[in-house]
N, C-alpha and C. Protein backbone atom coordinates (compact mmCIF):
# COMPACT_ATOMS: atom_id res chain seq x y z
N UNK A 1 89.29 -28.15 40.23
CA UNK A 1 89.94 -28.27 41.64
C UNK A 1 88.76 -28.41 42.56
N UNK A 2 89.16 -29.22 43.60
CA UNK A 2 88.21 -29.37 44.77
C UNK A 2 88.32 -28.17 45.67
N UNK A 3 87.40 -28.01 46.52
CA UNK A 3 87.56 -26.85 47.49
C UNK A 3 88.69 -26.86 48.31
N UNK A 4 89.28 -28.13 48.85
CA UNK A 4 90.40 -28.15 49.56
C UNK A 4 91.72 -27.92 48.78
N UNK A 5 91.65 -28.29 47.47
CA UNK A 5 92.63 -27.90 46.61
C UNK A 5 92.76 -26.48 46.31
N UNK A 6 91.71 -25.68 46.26
CA UNK A 6 91.70 -24.32 45.93
C UNK A 6 92.10 -23.74 47.22
N UNK A 7 91.82 -24.18 48.44
CA UNK A 7 92.32 -23.45 49.64
C UNK A 7 93.84 -23.58 49.76
N UNK A 8 94.34 -24.84 49.44
CA UNK A 8 95.82 -25.16 49.42
C UNK A 8 96.45 -24.14 48.37
N UNK A 9 95.79 -23.99 47.30
CA UNK A 9 96.47 -23.21 46.32
C UNK A 9 96.48 -21.58 46.59
N UNK A 10 95.47 -21.18 47.42
CA UNK A 10 95.53 -19.76 48.04
C UNK A 10 96.68 -19.62 49.11
N UNK A 11 96.69 -20.66 49.95
CA UNK A 11 97.73 -20.60 50.99
C UNK A 11 99.06 -20.59 50.42
N UNK A 12 99.34 -21.46 49.42
CA UNK A 12 100.70 -21.50 48.83
C UNK A 12 100.94 -20.30 48.04
N UNK A 13 100.02 -19.61 47.22
CA UNK A 13 100.26 -18.53 46.50
C UNK A 13 100.58 -17.36 47.37
N UNK A 14 99.79 -17.25 48.31
CA UNK A 14 100.01 -16.00 49.26
C UNK A 14 101.34 -16.00 50.02
N UNK A 15 101.69 -17.32 50.42
CA UNK A 15 102.98 -17.44 50.97
C UNK A 15 104.19 -17.11 50.14
N UNK A 16 103.99 -17.37 48.85
CA UNK A 16 105.10 -16.89 47.79
C UNK A 16 105.07 -15.42 47.65
N UNK A 17 103.93 -14.90 47.57
CA UNK A 17 103.79 -13.35 47.28
C UNK A 17 104.33 -12.76 48.69
N UNK A 18 103.78 -13.13 49.79
CA UNK A 18 104.05 -12.44 51.02
C UNK A 18 104.78 -13.31 52.01
N UNK A 19 105.97 -13.61 51.73
CA UNK A 19 106.69 -14.55 52.74
C UNK A 19 106.98 -13.72 54.09
N UNK A 20 107.12 -12.39 53.91
CA UNK A 20 107.16 -11.54 55.07
C UNK A 20 105.97 -10.70 55.17
N UNK A 21 105.29 -10.57 56.11
CA UNK A 21 103.90 -9.97 56.22
C UNK A 21 103.92 -8.62 56.91
N UNK A 22 104.10 -7.52 56.35
CA UNK A 22 104.02 -6.22 56.98
C UNK A 22 102.61 -6.06 57.61
N UNK A 23 102.75 -5.40 58.90
CA UNK A 23 101.59 -5.05 59.76
C UNK A 23 101.04 -3.76 59.23
N UNK A 24 99.78 -3.59 58.83
CA UNK A 24 99.51 -2.29 58.15
C UNK A 24 99.45 -1.03 59.10
N UNK A 25 99.15 -1.37 60.28
CA UNK A 25 99.08 -0.08 61.23
C UNK A 25 100.24 -0.06 62.14
N UNK A 26 100.95 1.14 62.14
CA UNK A 26 102.15 1.34 63.05
C UNK A 26 101.61 1.31 64.53
N UNK A 27 102.47 0.39 65.33
CA UNK A 27 102.13 0.54 66.77
C UNK A 27 103.31 0.01 67.58
N UNK A 28 103.40 0.07 68.85
CA UNK A 28 104.51 -0.45 69.57
C UNK A 28 104.15 -1.41 70.80
N UNK A 29 102.74 -1.42 70.93
CA UNK A 29 102.30 -2.44 71.97
C UNK A 29 100.75 -2.56 71.85
N UNK A 30 100.12 -3.43 72.76
CA UNK A 30 98.69 -3.73 72.58
C UNK A 30 97.96 -2.38 72.63
N UNK A 31 98.21 -1.57 73.56
CA UNK A 31 97.37 -0.21 73.61
C UNK A 31 97.36 0.63 72.28
N UNK A 32 98.53 0.87 71.86
CA UNK A 32 98.72 1.76 70.71
C UNK A 32 98.07 0.86 69.37
N UNK A 33 98.06 -0.28 69.36
CA UNK A 33 97.51 -1.12 68.35
C UNK A 33 95.97 -0.97 68.50
N UNK A 34 95.36 -1.11 69.73
CA UNK A 34 93.97 -0.86 69.89
C UNK A 34 93.50 0.45 69.41
N UNK A 35 94.29 1.59 69.74
CA UNK A 35 93.83 2.88 69.50
C UNK A 35 93.92 3.00 67.80
N UNK A 36 94.97 2.47 67.32
CA UNK A 36 95.22 2.59 65.90
C UNK A 36 94.15 1.89 65.08
N UNK A 37 93.72 0.62 65.52
CA UNK A 37 92.69 -0.08 64.89
C UNK A 37 91.30 0.67 65.12
N UNK A 38 91.13 1.21 66.23
CA UNK A 38 89.86 1.91 66.37
C UNK A 38 89.73 3.20 65.50
N UNK A 39 90.82 3.81 65.31
CA UNK A 39 90.90 4.95 64.44
C UNK A 39 90.63 4.65 62.98
N UNK A 40 91.02 3.31 62.61
CA UNK A 40 91.06 2.95 61.13
C UNK A 40 89.55 2.63 60.66
N UNK A 41 88.68 2.69 61.54
CA UNK A 41 87.27 2.40 61.13
C UNK A 41 86.82 3.50 60.05
N UNK A 42 86.37 3.11 58.83
CA UNK A 42 86.00 4.13 57.79
C UNK A 42 87.03 5.11 57.55
N UNK A 43 88.35 4.57 57.61
CA UNK A 43 89.58 5.41 57.21
C UNK A 43 90.41 4.65 56.54
N UNK A 44 91.57 5.06 56.26
CA UNK A 44 92.74 4.31 55.60
C UNK A 44 93.79 4.17 56.55
N UNK A 45 94.54 3.17 56.45
CA UNK A 45 95.65 2.90 57.26
C UNK A 45 96.70 3.99 57.04
N UNK A 46 97.01 4.43 55.80
CA UNK A 46 97.96 5.49 55.55
C UNK A 46 97.62 6.85 56.45
N UNK A 47 96.27 7.18 56.42
CA UNK A 47 95.84 8.38 57.25
C UNK A 47 96.02 8.15 58.68
N UNK A 48 95.74 6.82 59.14
CA UNK A 48 95.81 6.54 60.54
C UNK A 48 97.41 6.68 60.88
N UNK A 49 98.21 6.04 60.09
CA UNK A 49 99.64 6.22 60.47
C UNK A 49 100.26 7.59 60.40
N UNK A 50 99.57 8.50 59.79
CA UNK A 50 100.05 9.79 59.81
C UNK A 50 99.70 10.56 61.05
N UNK A 51 98.37 10.20 61.64
CA UNK A 51 97.90 10.77 62.86
C UNK A 51 98.48 10.31 64.16
N UNK A 52 98.64 8.90 64.13
CA UNK A 52 99.01 8.20 65.49
C UNK A 52 100.34 8.89 65.98
N UNK A 53 101.42 9.07 65.18
CA UNK A 53 102.67 9.48 65.79
C UNK A 53 102.40 10.74 66.59
N UNK A 54 101.62 11.73 66.14
CA UNK A 54 101.25 12.95 66.80
C UNK A 54 100.48 12.80 68.06
N UNK A 55 99.45 11.81 68.04
CA UNK A 55 98.70 11.35 69.18
C UNK A 55 99.50 10.63 70.17
N UNK A 56 100.37 9.74 69.76
CA UNK A 56 101.05 8.95 70.73
C UNK A 56 102.29 9.80 71.40
N UNK A 57 102.70 10.78 70.65
CA UNK A 57 103.79 11.72 71.21
C UNK A 57 103.10 12.30 72.64
N UNK A 58 101.89 12.60 72.41
CA UNK A 58 101.14 13.21 73.62
C UNK A 58 100.78 12.28 74.69
N UNK A 59 100.36 11.04 74.10
CA UNK A 59 99.64 10.04 75.17
C UNK A 59 99.76 8.66 74.37
N UNK A 60 100.71 7.78 74.92
CA UNK A 60 100.80 6.53 74.37
C UNK A 60 100.42 5.32 75.37
N UNK A 61 99.74 5.83 76.38
CA UNK A 61 99.17 4.83 77.32
C UNK A 61 98.06 5.31 77.89
N UNK A 62 97.11 4.59 78.46
CA UNK A 62 95.83 5.02 79.14
C UNK A 62 96.11 6.15 80.03
N UNK A 63 97.03 6.14 80.91
CA UNK A 63 97.17 7.03 82.00
C UNK A 63 97.53 8.41 81.53
N UNK A 64 98.24 8.46 80.44
CA UNK A 64 98.39 9.72 79.70
C UNK A 64 97.33 10.31 78.94
N UNK A 65 96.58 9.27 78.33
CA UNK A 65 95.45 9.60 77.44
C UNK A 65 94.32 10.31 78.27
N UNK A 66 94.12 9.84 79.56
CA UNK A 66 93.02 10.33 80.24
C UNK A 66 93.32 11.84 80.78
N UNK A 67 94.60 12.28 80.67
CA UNK A 67 94.95 13.63 81.06
C UNK A 67 94.56 14.58 79.96
N UNK A 68 94.40 14.11 78.81
CA UNK A 68 94.04 15.00 77.64
C UNK A 68 92.39 15.20 77.65
N UNK A 69 92.01 16.31 77.19
CA UNK A 69 90.55 16.59 77.10
C UNK A 69 90.16 15.83 75.75
N UNK A 70 88.97 15.57 75.76
CA UNK A 70 88.38 14.86 74.66
C UNK A 70 88.51 15.70 73.40
N UNK A 71 88.33 17.05 73.59
CA UNK A 71 88.47 17.95 72.37
C UNK A 71 89.94 18.04 71.98
N UNK A 72 90.88 17.77 72.80
CA UNK A 72 92.25 17.76 72.31
C UNK A 72 92.58 16.56 71.43
N UNK A 73 91.96 15.27 71.92
CA UNK A 73 92.07 14.25 71.15
C UNK A 73 91.33 14.33 69.81
N UNK A 74 90.29 14.90 69.88
CA UNK A 74 89.42 14.98 68.66
C UNK A 74 90.19 15.94 67.61
N UNK A 75 90.80 16.92 68.09
CA UNK A 75 91.61 17.90 67.14
C UNK A 75 92.83 17.12 66.46
N UNK A 76 93.42 16.30 67.22
CA UNK A 76 94.57 15.63 66.63
C UNK A 76 94.14 14.54 65.66
N UNK A 77 92.99 13.81 66.00
CA UNK A 77 92.46 12.75 65.15
C UNK A 77 91.58 13.13 64.00
N UNK A 78 91.22 14.31 63.82
CA UNK A 78 90.28 14.81 62.82
C UNK A 78 90.45 14.51 61.49
N UNK A 79 91.74 14.25 60.99
CA UNK A 79 91.98 13.85 59.55
C UNK A 79 91.49 12.37 59.36
N UNK A 80 91.14 11.52 60.32
CA UNK A 80 90.77 10.21 60.04
C UNK A 80 89.20 9.99 59.86
N UNK A 81 88.50 11.14 60.27
CA UNK A 81 87.06 11.13 60.21
C UNK A 81 86.46 10.54 61.39
N UNK A 82 85.19 10.90 61.60
CA UNK A 82 84.43 10.52 62.73
C UNK A 82 85.03 10.89 64.07
N UNK A 83 85.84 11.98 64.09
CA UNK A 83 86.73 12.33 65.33
C UNK A 83 85.81 12.57 66.52
N UNK A 84 84.67 13.06 66.53
CA UNK A 84 84.06 13.35 67.83
C UNK A 84 83.65 11.96 68.54
N UNK A 85 83.14 11.04 67.68
CA UNK A 85 82.81 9.69 68.32
C UNK A 85 84.10 8.90 68.64
N UNK A 86 85.15 8.99 67.82
CA UNK A 86 86.23 8.12 68.21
C UNK A 86 87.05 8.85 69.23
N UNK A 87 87.05 10.06 69.41
CA UNK A 87 87.77 10.87 70.55
C UNK A 87 87.07 10.41 71.83
N UNK A 88 85.81 10.43 71.97
CA UNK A 88 85.09 10.09 73.21
C UNK A 88 85.33 8.63 73.47
N UNK A 89 85.41 7.75 72.48
CA UNK A 89 85.65 6.28 72.72
C UNK A 89 86.96 6.03 73.30
N UNK A 90 88.10 6.72 72.74
CA UNK A 90 89.35 6.63 73.13
C UNK A 90 89.53 7.02 74.58
N UNK A 91 89.05 8.12 74.80
CA UNK A 91 89.04 8.67 76.32
C UNK A 91 88.39 7.79 77.25
N UNK A 92 87.23 7.40 76.92
CA UNK A 92 86.45 6.39 77.90
C UNK A 92 87.04 5.09 78.02
N UNK A 93 87.47 4.51 76.94
CA UNK A 93 88.15 3.09 76.95
C UNK A 93 89.39 3.19 77.86
N UNK A 94 90.12 4.42 77.68
CA UNK A 94 91.27 4.59 78.48
C UNK A 94 90.94 4.56 80.00
N UNK A 95 89.81 5.23 80.38
CA UNK A 95 89.52 5.34 81.70
C UNK A 95 89.09 3.86 82.24
N UNK A 96 88.48 3.11 81.39
CA UNK A 96 88.07 1.84 81.69
C UNK A 96 89.10 0.84 81.83
N UNK A 97 90.12 0.98 80.96
CA UNK A 97 91.45 0.02 81.24
C UNK A 97 92.05 0.42 82.62
N UNK A 98 92.04 1.56 82.87
CA UNK A 98 92.59 1.99 84.28
C UNK A 98 91.78 1.42 85.43
N UNK A 99 90.48 1.52 85.24
CA UNK A 99 89.50 1.16 86.39
C UNK A 99 89.46 -0.26 86.62
N UNK A 100 89.48 -1.07 85.42
CA UNK A 100 89.01 -2.49 85.53
C UNK A 100 90.16 -3.32 85.23
N UNK A 101 91.25 -2.83 84.45
CA UNK A 101 92.18 -3.69 83.94
C UNK A 101 93.84 -3.28 84.35
N UNK A 102 93.92 -2.46 85.28
CA UNK A 102 95.17 -1.92 85.83
C UNK A 102 95.92 -1.32 84.73
N UNK A 103 95.20 -0.71 83.71
CA UNK A 103 95.94 0.06 82.60
C UNK A 103 96.44 -0.84 81.46
N UNK A 104 96.06 -2.10 81.54
CA UNK A 104 96.49 -3.11 80.55
C UNK A 104 95.33 -3.42 79.61
N UNK A 105 95.69 -3.77 78.34
CA UNK A 105 94.71 -4.24 77.40
C UNK A 105 94.36 -5.56 77.63
N UNK A 106 93.25 -6.04 77.85
CA UNK A 106 92.78 -7.38 78.03
C UNK A 106 93.02 -8.23 76.86
N UNK A 107 93.31 -9.55 77.01
CA UNK A 107 93.59 -10.53 75.81
C UNK A 107 92.38 -11.26 75.54
N UNK A 108 91.30 -11.17 76.21
CA UNK A 108 90.08 -11.84 75.99
C UNK A 108 89.19 -11.14 74.93
N UNK A 109 88.79 -11.79 73.91
CA UNK A 109 87.91 -11.04 72.87
C UNK A 109 86.67 -10.52 73.52
N UNK A 110 86.13 -11.25 74.36
CA UNK A 110 84.80 -10.89 75.02
C UNK A 110 84.96 -9.56 75.81
N UNK A 111 86.17 -9.45 76.53
CA UNK A 111 86.39 -8.24 77.34
C UNK A 111 86.73 -7.08 76.35
N UNK A 112 87.60 -7.27 75.42
CA UNK A 112 87.79 -6.21 74.44
C UNK A 112 86.44 -5.69 73.90
N UNK A 113 85.54 -6.45 73.53
CA UNK A 113 84.30 -6.04 73.03
C UNK A 113 83.50 -5.25 73.84
N UNK A 114 83.70 -5.21 75.07
CA UNK A 114 82.85 -4.38 76.08
C UNK A 114 83.33 -2.97 76.07
N UNK A 115 84.66 -2.66 75.45
CA UNK A 115 85.14 -1.29 75.52
C UNK A 115 84.57 -0.42 74.44
N UNK A 116 84.27 0.86 74.79
CA UNK A 116 83.73 1.72 73.77
C UNK A 116 84.38 1.73 72.51
N UNK A 117 83.74 1.78 71.44
CA UNK A 117 84.29 2.03 70.06
C UNK A 117 85.09 0.62 69.60
N UNK A 118 85.01 -0.48 70.32
CA UNK A 118 85.62 -1.68 70.01
C UNK A 118 84.66 -2.69 69.57
N UNK A 119 84.45 -3.02 68.30
CA UNK A 119 83.53 -4.11 67.90
C UNK A 119 84.39 -5.39 67.66
N UNK A 120 83.68 -6.27 67.21
CA UNK A 120 84.37 -7.62 66.94
C UNK A 120 85.59 -7.59 66.05
N UNK A 121 85.53 -6.84 65.05
CA UNK A 121 86.63 -6.88 64.17
C UNK A 121 87.83 -6.29 64.90
N UNK A 122 87.56 -5.09 65.41
CA UNK A 122 88.82 -4.46 66.15
C UNK A 122 89.34 -5.34 67.30
N UNK A 123 88.42 -6.05 68.00
CA UNK A 123 89.00 -6.89 69.00
C UNK A 123 89.69 -8.12 68.53
N UNK A 124 89.27 -8.62 67.36
CA UNK A 124 89.90 -9.64 66.56
C UNK A 124 91.37 -9.23 66.21
N UNK A 125 91.47 -8.23 65.58
CA UNK A 125 92.78 -7.57 65.17
C UNK A 125 93.68 -7.63 66.33
N UNK A 126 93.28 -7.06 67.51
CA UNK A 126 94.05 -6.88 68.60
C UNK A 126 94.50 -8.10 69.24
N UNK A 127 93.65 -9.23 69.39
CA UNK A 127 94.07 -10.45 69.99
C UNK A 127 94.87 -11.14 69.05
N UNK A 128 94.91 -11.13 67.71
CA UNK A 128 95.65 -11.74 66.76
C UNK A 128 97.08 -11.13 66.57
N UNK A 129 97.08 -9.84 66.51
CA UNK A 129 98.35 -9.05 66.26
C UNK A 129 99.12 -8.71 67.45
N UNK A 130 98.48 -8.54 68.55
CA UNK A 130 99.10 -8.06 69.76
C UNK A 130 99.37 -9.27 70.58
N UNK A 131 98.70 -10.23 70.52
CA UNK A 131 98.75 -11.21 71.58
C UNK A 131 99.02 -12.67 70.78
N UNK A 132 99.01 -12.78 69.51
CA UNK A 132 99.10 -14.04 68.75
C UNK A 132 98.10 -15.12 68.95
N UNK A 133 96.94 -14.57 69.45
CA UNK A 133 95.80 -15.54 69.63
C UNK A 133 95.07 -15.76 68.24
N UNK A 134 94.71 -16.99 67.80
CA UNK A 134 94.26 -17.13 66.57
C UNK A 134 92.86 -16.46 66.46
N UNK A 135 92.68 -15.62 65.29
CA UNK A 135 91.58 -14.93 65.06
C UNK A 135 91.64 -14.65 63.62
N UNK A 136 90.40 -14.46 62.97
CA UNK A 136 90.24 -14.05 61.53
C UNK A 136 89.35 -12.79 61.33
N UNK A 137 89.88 -11.65 61.69
CA UNK A 137 89.16 -10.31 61.52
C UNK A 137 88.84 -10.18 59.90
N UNK A 138 87.75 -9.93 59.75
CA UNK A 138 87.31 -9.86 58.35
C UNK A 138 86.89 -8.26 58.01
N UNK A 139 87.76 -7.74 57.06
CA UNK A 139 87.43 -6.46 56.64
C UNK A 139 86.91 -6.46 55.20
N UNK A 140 86.72 -5.30 54.63
CA UNK A 140 86.04 -5.32 53.26
C UNK A 140 86.91 -6.05 52.14
N UNK A 141 88.31 -6.07 52.26
CA UNK A 141 88.97 -6.81 51.26
C UNK A 141 88.90 -8.39 51.46
N UNK A 142 88.86 -8.90 52.63
CA UNK A 142 88.64 -10.27 52.87
C UNK A 142 87.25 -10.69 52.49
N UNK A 143 86.25 -9.88 52.90
CA UNK A 143 84.85 -10.20 52.47
C UNK A 143 84.76 -10.31 50.91
N UNK A 144 85.36 -9.33 50.25
CA UNK A 144 85.30 -9.34 48.70
C UNK A 144 85.91 -10.54 48.23
N UNK A 145 87.15 -10.75 48.68
CA UNK A 145 88.02 -11.89 48.06
C UNK A 145 87.41 -13.34 48.39
N UNK A 146 86.87 -13.39 49.52
CA UNK A 146 86.32 -14.77 49.97
C UNK A 146 85.01 -15.06 49.07
N UNK A 147 84.29 -13.98 48.58
CA UNK A 147 83.26 -14.11 47.57
C UNK A 147 83.91 -14.39 46.22
N UNK A 148 84.77 -13.67 45.83
CA UNK A 148 85.22 -13.79 44.47
C UNK A 148 85.92 -15.28 44.31
N UNK A 149 86.54 -15.83 45.35
CA UNK A 149 87.18 -16.98 45.19
C UNK A 149 86.28 -18.17 45.45
N UNK A 150 84.94 -17.88 45.65
CA UNK A 150 84.03 -18.91 45.88
C UNK A 150 83.97 -19.55 47.16
N UNK A 151 84.62 -19.06 48.25
CA UNK A 151 84.75 -19.44 49.64
C UNK A 151 83.57 -19.05 50.60
N UNK A 152 82.77 -18.03 50.18
CA UNK A 152 81.69 -17.58 51.01
C UNK A 152 80.73 -17.03 50.04
N UNK A 153 79.60 -16.82 50.58
CA UNK A 153 78.31 -16.26 49.86
C UNK A 153 78.30 -14.86 49.66
N UNK A 154 79.12 -14.08 50.50
CA UNK A 154 79.24 -12.62 50.40
C UNK A 154 78.02 -11.98 51.03
N UNK A 155 77.16 -12.61 51.74
CA UNK A 155 75.88 -11.95 52.38
C UNK A 155 76.32 -11.00 53.48
N UNK A 156 77.21 -11.48 54.37
CA UNK A 156 77.62 -10.65 55.47
C UNK A 156 78.96 -11.17 56.07
N UNK A 157 79.61 -10.19 56.76
CA UNK A 157 81.02 -10.38 57.27
C UNK A 157 80.92 -11.56 58.32
N UNK A 158 79.79 -11.57 59.13
CA UNK A 158 79.77 -12.75 60.08
C UNK A 158 79.86 -13.95 59.28
N UNK A 159 79.20 -14.29 58.29
CA UNK A 159 79.10 -15.55 57.59
C UNK A 159 80.66 -15.75 56.92
N UNK A 160 81.11 -14.75 56.42
CA UNK A 160 82.56 -14.81 55.91
C UNK A 160 83.50 -15.29 56.82
N UNK A 161 83.40 -14.70 58.10
CA UNK A 161 84.43 -15.07 59.11
C UNK A 161 84.14 -16.52 59.42
N UNK A 162 82.96 -17.00 59.55
CA UNK A 162 82.71 -18.48 59.83
C UNK A 162 83.32 -19.43 58.80
N UNK A 163 83.06 -18.89 57.46
CA UNK A 163 83.55 -19.67 56.50
C UNK A 163 85.14 -19.82 56.32
N UNK A 164 85.68 -18.59 56.57
CA UNK A 164 87.21 -18.55 56.61
C UNK A 164 87.78 -19.46 57.66
N UNK A 165 87.14 -19.34 58.90
CA UNK A 165 87.62 -20.30 59.99
C UNK A 165 87.38 -21.69 59.64
N UNK A 166 86.43 -21.94 58.99
CA UNK A 166 86.19 -23.39 58.60
C UNK A 166 87.07 -23.95 57.56
N UNK A 167 87.39 -23.12 56.63
CA UNK A 167 88.10 -23.53 55.48
C UNK A 167 89.71 -23.49 55.83
N UNK A 168 90.24 -22.58 56.49
CA UNK A 168 91.67 -22.39 56.68
C UNK A 168 92.13 -22.93 58.04
N UNK A 169 93.30 -23.66 58.21
CA UNK A 169 93.74 -24.10 59.28
C UNK A 169 93.91 -22.93 60.45
N UNK A 170 93.54 -23.30 61.55
CA UNK A 170 93.56 -22.30 62.74
C UNK A 170 94.99 -21.71 62.95
N UNK A 171 95.96 -22.39 62.73
CA UNK A 171 97.42 -21.91 63.00
C UNK A 171 97.85 -21.03 61.95
N UNK A 172 97.10 -20.86 60.85
CA UNK A 172 97.45 -19.82 59.80
C UNK A 172 96.54 -18.66 59.83
N UNK A 173 95.56 -18.62 60.55
CA UNK A 173 94.55 -17.47 60.57
C UNK A 173 95.26 -16.12 60.72
N UNK A 174 96.28 -16.05 61.68
CA UNK A 174 96.82 -14.80 61.95
C UNK A 174 97.60 -14.22 60.79
N UNK A 175 98.30 -15.07 60.16
CA UNK A 175 99.16 -14.60 58.98
C UNK A 175 98.17 -14.42 57.66
N UNK A 176 97.29 -15.34 57.58
CA UNK A 176 96.50 -15.38 56.28
C UNK A 176 95.50 -14.17 56.28
N UNK A 177 95.01 -13.81 57.46
CA UNK A 177 94.05 -12.44 57.28
C UNK A 177 94.80 -11.31 56.73
N UNK A 178 96.11 -11.12 57.13
CA UNK A 178 96.95 -9.96 56.85
C UNK A 178 97.36 -10.27 55.30
N UNK A 179 97.68 -11.47 54.92
CA UNK A 179 98.14 -11.74 53.48
C UNK A 179 96.97 -11.49 52.56
N UNK A 180 95.72 -11.99 52.92
CA UNK A 180 94.63 -11.72 52.10
C UNK A 180 94.19 -10.19 51.90
N UNK A 181 94.44 -9.39 53.13
CA UNK A 181 94.25 -8.07 53.00
C UNK A 181 95.15 -7.21 52.11
N UNK A 182 96.44 -7.65 52.17
CA UNK A 182 97.47 -7.11 51.30
C UNK A 182 97.22 -7.57 49.71
N UNK A 183 96.77 -8.81 49.65
CA UNK A 183 96.52 -9.18 48.25
C UNK A 183 95.37 -8.35 47.66
N UNK A 184 94.32 -8.17 48.49
CA UNK A 184 93.15 -7.53 48.00
C UNK A 184 93.55 -6.15 47.58
N UNK A 185 94.42 -5.51 48.27
CA UNK A 185 94.72 -4.04 48.03
C UNK A 185 95.64 -4.06 46.72
N UNK A 186 96.53 -4.93 46.59
CA UNK A 186 97.48 -4.99 45.48
C UNK A 186 97.14 -5.75 44.23
N UNK A 187 96.32 -6.73 44.39
CA UNK A 187 96.11 -7.57 43.14
C UNK A 187 94.54 -7.78 42.78
N UNK A 188 93.61 -7.51 43.82
CA UNK A 188 92.20 -7.92 43.58
C UNK A 188 91.36 -6.77 44.13
N UNK A 189 91.43 -5.62 43.70
CA UNK A 189 90.84 -4.42 44.24
C UNK A 189 89.38 -4.33 43.87
N UNK A 190 88.64 -3.53 44.64
CA UNK A 190 87.31 -3.40 44.33
C UNK A 190 87.06 -2.61 43.14
N UNK A 191 87.90 -1.51 42.95
CA UNK A 191 87.77 -0.68 41.66
C UNK A 191 89.11 -0.87 40.97
N UNK A 192 89.09 -0.71 39.68
CA UNK A 192 90.28 -0.75 38.75
C UNK A 192 90.98 -2.18 38.72
N UNK A 193 90.05 -3.22 39.14
CA UNK A 193 90.63 -4.59 39.16
C UNK A 193 90.99 -5.12 37.77
N UNK A 194 92.17 -5.70 37.79
CA UNK A 194 92.59 -6.32 36.34
C UNK A 194 92.83 -7.85 36.77
N UNK A 195 91.88 -8.70 36.12
CA UNK A 195 91.91 -9.90 36.40
C UNK A 195 93.31 -10.69 35.88
N UNK A 196 93.90 -10.05 34.92
CA UNK A 196 95.32 -10.65 34.40
C UNK A 196 96.25 -10.53 35.41
N UNK A 197 96.28 -9.54 36.18
CA UNK A 197 97.24 -9.30 37.32
C UNK A 197 96.85 -10.05 38.65
N UNK A 198 95.80 -10.83 38.63
CA UNK A 198 95.30 -11.51 39.74
C UNK A 198 95.28 -13.01 39.78
N UNK A 199 96.55 -13.63 39.95
CA UNK A 199 96.66 -15.02 39.76
C UNK A 199 95.73 -16.03 40.49
N UNK A 200 95.27 -15.55 41.62
CA UNK A 200 94.38 -16.40 42.52
C UNK A 200 93.03 -16.44 41.82
N UNK A 201 92.33 -15.31 41.71
CA UNK A 201 91.10 -15.28 41.14
C UNK A 201 90.99 -15.80 39.72
N UNK A 202 92.11 -15.55 38.96
CA UNK A 202 92.13 -15.99 37.58
C UNK A 202 92.03 -17.64 37.61
N UNK A 203 92.63 -18.18 38.49
CA UNK A 203 92.75 -19.67 38.59
C UNK A 203 91.67 -20.24 39.33
N UNK A 204 91.03 -19.76 40.40
CA UNK A 204 90.06 -20.41 41.19
C UNK A 204 88.77 -19.68 41.30
N UNK A 205 88.75 -18.47 40.77
CA UNK A 205 87.49 -17.57 40.97
C UNK A 205 86.31 -18.15 40.68
N UNK A 206 85.25 -17.65 41.35
CA UNK A 206 83.85 -17.94 41.22
C UNK A 206 83.53 -17.66 39.68
N UNK A 207 82.90 -18.65 38.97
CA UNK A 207 82.65 -18.51 37.60
C UNK A 207 81.75 -17.33 37.25
N UNK A 208 80.86 -16.96 37.99
CA UNK A 208 80.04 -15.87 37.93
C UNK A 208 80.73 -14.55 37.98
N UNK A 209 81.76 -14.45 38.86
CA UNK A 209 82.51 -13.13 39.00
C UNK A 209 83.40 -13.06 37.79
N UNK A 210 83.90 -14.17 37.23
CA UNK A 210 84.78 -14.08 36.07
C UNK A 210 83.99 -13.76 34.83
N UNK A 211 82.92 -14.34 34.80
CA UNK A 211 82.03 -13.94 33.58
C UNK A 211 81.51 -12.45 33.57
N UNK A 212 81.20 -11.94 34.79
CA UNK A 212 80.85 -10.55 34.89
C UNK A 212 82.02 -9.72 34.58
N UNK A 213 83.10 -10.02 34.84
CA UNK A 213 84.33 -9.26 34.70
C UNK A 213 84.57 -9.23 33.22
N UNK A 214 84.47 -10.34 32.50
CA UNK A 214 84.69 -10.41 31.06
C UNK A 214 83.69 -9.62 30.29
N UNK A 215 82.47 -9.75 30.72
CA UNK A 215 81.34 -9.06 30.14
C UNK A 215 81.59 -7.46 30.08
N UNK A 216 81.90 -7.13 31.27
CA UNK A 216 82.30 -5.55 31.48
C UNK A 216 83.48 -5.19 30.66
N UNK A 217 84.39 -6.07 30.55
CA UNK A 217 85.65 -5.73 29.63
C UNK A 217 85.30 -5.68 28.30
N UNK A 218 84.30 -6.49 27.85
CA UNK A 218 84.00 -6.38 26.40
C UNK A 218 83.24 -5.05 26.10
N UNK A 219 82.46 -4.56 27.04
CA UNK A 219 81.64 -3.37 26.81
C UNK A 219 82.48 -2.19 26.82
N UNK A 220 83.64 -2.26 27.41
CA UNK A 220 84.56 -1.11 27.45
C UNK A 220 85.41 -0.94 26.12
N UNK A 221 85.42 -2.05 25.33
CA UNK A 221 86.18 -1.98 24.13
C UNK A 221 85.25 -2.16 22.91
């Protein structure tokens, strides 16, 4: 297969598996999505979705959030980890949204990245999922799969994002990044990965990755 044929195969296969794409983090608007994505850093979506209903019951917009003490926020979000840092970031970014943006989450990637606790990936998720602006946030799943599929060299997420944007049509970025995340969780995991259950890697995977998988499989038996 040529590179373009492999890309087309990935798009088609993901569309068949995920015709409807669930959004991993529960939210109701750009602000609650921003907070949920910030909380998800070095945590799991499941844990974040357990915590956010409690937090958003107390404060689901920046005006309410700034009425809470940082320690109150920290206590609520403690299960997701890194709670002292995240609590300070949530409180301060809420203040900034009020001071500079009339309490609204900006749609511009560059402005989002100026907020405390908001890096490029978080900003990319918000613009794509909250505002429908094409972006390709790269998480660990996408980084792993782009390497396994031979689409990127796996050196860093910055390069992986560039490669993804170059290979995939821009109008598909927002749905593809979610489809690849779900596929990575369900079919192409970092641990406990079974190549037989992974139709994409089995068909187009990097030869080195497949050879290493088969080598490890032989040593187990």
